[in-house]
Amino acid sequence: SSGINAEYGDENQHVMRLLETQKAILEEKWNGGKDLLAAQEECVELREDIKVCRERVKEFEESSDEISNELSIAQEKISTLLQDKKKSQESLGRADKTIDLLNSDKERLTNQVAMVTREF
């Protein structure tokens, strides 16, 4: 009877060791599962962050397009103003020549009037 008890004791110890091993394996799997869930949650958060970043990039691109359009319009206006300035300078040059011609005509006429006045 003591041999049978010893045999059962050995078997019980063996079963207990197997159960402990299985428990350790299950705990590892459980912890691994929790780690996996945490990683999945992190992935979901990262996907949300990526979505937000993509929206910001899209907004930036739209804003960049608007700025680019405004810049083109401003460049066209500057070009027009430079052409207008050139035309104005040309007109001023012609006006200066006209004034010079009128002044020389006035001088010539003044001299003619002076000569006519002296004769009479």
Protein backbone atom coordinates (compact mmCIF):
# COMPACT_ATOMS: atom_id res chain seq x y z
CA SER A 1 0.00 0.00 0.00
CA SER A 2 2.85 2.39 0.70
CA GLY A 3 4.28 1.63 -2.77
CA ILE A 4 0.96 2.46 -4.36
CA ASN A 5 0.78 5.72 -2.38
CA ALA A 6 4.31 6.58 -3.46
CA GLU A 7 3.35 5.84 -7.06
CA TYR A 8 0.26 8.05 -6.77
CA GLY A 9 2.38 10.73 -5.09
CA ASP A 10 4.87 10.67 -7.97
CA GLU A 11 2.03 10.74 -10.47
CA ASN A 12 0.35 13.60 -8.58
CA GLN A 13 3.58 15.55 -8.55
CA HIS A 14 4.01 14.87 -12.27
CA VAL A 15 0.40 16.02 -12.95
CA MET A 16 0.99 19.08 -10.76
CA ARG A 17 4.16 19.94 -12.73
CA LEU A 18 2.24 19.51 -16.01
CA LEU A 19 -0.55 21.74 -14.69
CA GLU A 20 1.96 24.38 -13.57
CA THR A 21 3.61 24.26 -16.99
CA GLN A 22 0.24 24.59 -18.74
CA LYS A 23 -0.67 27.44 -16.37
CA ALA A 24 2.60 29.23 -17.22
CA ILE A 25 1.97 28.71 -20.95
CA LEU A 26 -1.61 30.01 -20.64
CA GLU A 27 -0.41 33.04 -18.65
CA GLU A 28 2.17 33.77 -21.36
CA LYS A 29 -0.53 33.47 -24.02
CA TRP A 30 -2.88 35.65 -21.95
CA ASN A 31 -0.19 38.31 -21.52
CA GLY A 32 0.69 37.98 -25.20
CA GLY A 33 -2.98 38.45 -26.03
CA LYS A 34 -3.11 41.55 -23.85
CA ASP A 35 0.03 42.84 -25.59
CA LEU A 36 -1.59 42.11 -28.94
CA LEU A 37 -4.73 44.01 -27.93
CA ALA A 38 -2.61 46.94 -26.77
CA ALA A 39 -0.72 46.86 -30.09
CA GLN A 40 -4.01 46.79 -32.01
CA GLU A 41 -5.29 49.78 -30.04
CA GLU A 42 -2.04 51.58 -30.79
CA CYS A 43 -2.50 50.75 -34.49
CA VAL A 44 -6.01 52.22 -34.38
CA GLU A 45 -4.63 55.40 -32.77
CA LEU A 46 -1.83 55.56 -35.34
CA ARG A 47 -4.37 55.16 -38.16
CA GLU A 48 -6.33 58.08 -36.70
CA ASP A 49 -3.12 60.14 -36.48
CA ILE A 50 -2.30 59.27 -40.09
CA LYS A 51 -5.82 60.29 -41.15
CA VAL A 52 -5.44 63.64 -39.38
CA CYS A 53 -2.01 64.14 -40.98
CA ARG A 54 -3.42 63.38 -44.45
CA GLU A 55 -6.22 65.92 -43.89
CA ARG A 56 -3.66 68.52 -42.80
CA VAL A 57 -1.53 67.79 -45.87
CA LYS A 58 -4.64 68.20 -48.07
CA GLU A 59 -5.47 71.52 -46.37
CA PHE A 60 -1.86 72.64 -46.81
CA GLU A 61 -1.93 71.72 -50.50
CA GLU A 62 -5.21 73.62 -51.00
CA SER A 63 -3.79 76.60 -49.12
CA SER A 64 -0.61 76.37 -51.18
CA ASP A 65 -2.68 76.37 -54.39
CA GLU A 66 -4.59 79.46 -53.22
CA ILE A 67 -1.34 81.25 -52.37
CA SER A 68 0.09 80.25 -55.73
CA ASN A 69 -2.98 81.66 -57.52
CA GLU A 70 -2.82 84.89 -55.51
CA LEU A 71 0.88 85.17 -56.35
CA SER A 72 0.14 84.77 -60.07
CA ILE A 73 -2.54 87.47 -59.87
CA ALA A 74 -0.15 89.78 -58.00
CA GLN A 75 2.57 89.17 -60.63
CA GLU A 76 0.10 90.02 -63.42
CA LYS A 77 -0.87 93.23 -61.60
CA ILE A 78 2.80 94.17 -61.15
CA SER A 79 3.43 93.53 -64.85
CA THR A 80 0.44 95.73 -65.77
CA LEU A 81 1.63 98.48 -63.41
CA LEU A 82 5.12 98.36 -64.92
CA GLN A 83 3.62 98.68 -68.42
CA ASP A 84 1.47 101.60 -67.22
CA LYS A 85 4.55 103.22 -65.66
CA LYS A 86 6.46 102.87 -68.94
CA LYS A 87 3.55 104.43 -70.88
CA SER A 88 3.34 107.26 -68.33
CA GLN A 89 7.08 107.93 -68.65
CA GLU A 90 6.74 108.00 -72.44
CA SER A 91 3.81 110.42 -72.13
CA LEU A 92 5.84 112.59 -69.73
CA GLY A 93 8.71 112.61 -72.24
CA ARG A 94 6.36 113.74 -75.01
CA ALA A 95 4.83 116.36 -72.70
CA ASP A 96 8.32 117.67 -71.85
CA LYS A 97 9.13 117.97 -75.59
CA THR A 98 5.81 119.74 -76.19
CA ILE A 99 6.53 122.16 -73.33
CA ASP A 100 10.01 122.82 -74.75
CA LEU A 101 8.51 123.47 -78.22
CA LEU A 102 5.85 125.78 -76.73
CA ASN A 103 8.49 127.65 -74.74
CA SER A 104 10.66 128.13 -77.81
CA ASP A 105 7.56 129.25 -79.79
CA LYS A 106 6.73 131.70 -76.98
CA GLU A 107 10.29 133.02 -77.00
CA ARG A 108 10.24 133.37 -80.80
CA LEU A 109 6.84 135.11 -80.71
CA THR A 110 7.94 137.36 -77.86
CA ASN A 111 10.99 138.38 -79.87
CA GLN A 112 8.82 138.99 -82.97
CA VAL A 113 6.40 141.14 -80.92
CA ALA A 114 9.36 143.09 -79.52
CA MET A 115 10.71 143.68 -83.02
CA VAL A 116 7.28 144.76 -84.33
CA THR A 117 6.83 147.05 -81.32
CA ARG A 118 10.23 148.70 -81.97
CA GLU A 119 9.34 149.31 -85.59
CA PHE A 120 6.16 151.12 -84.61
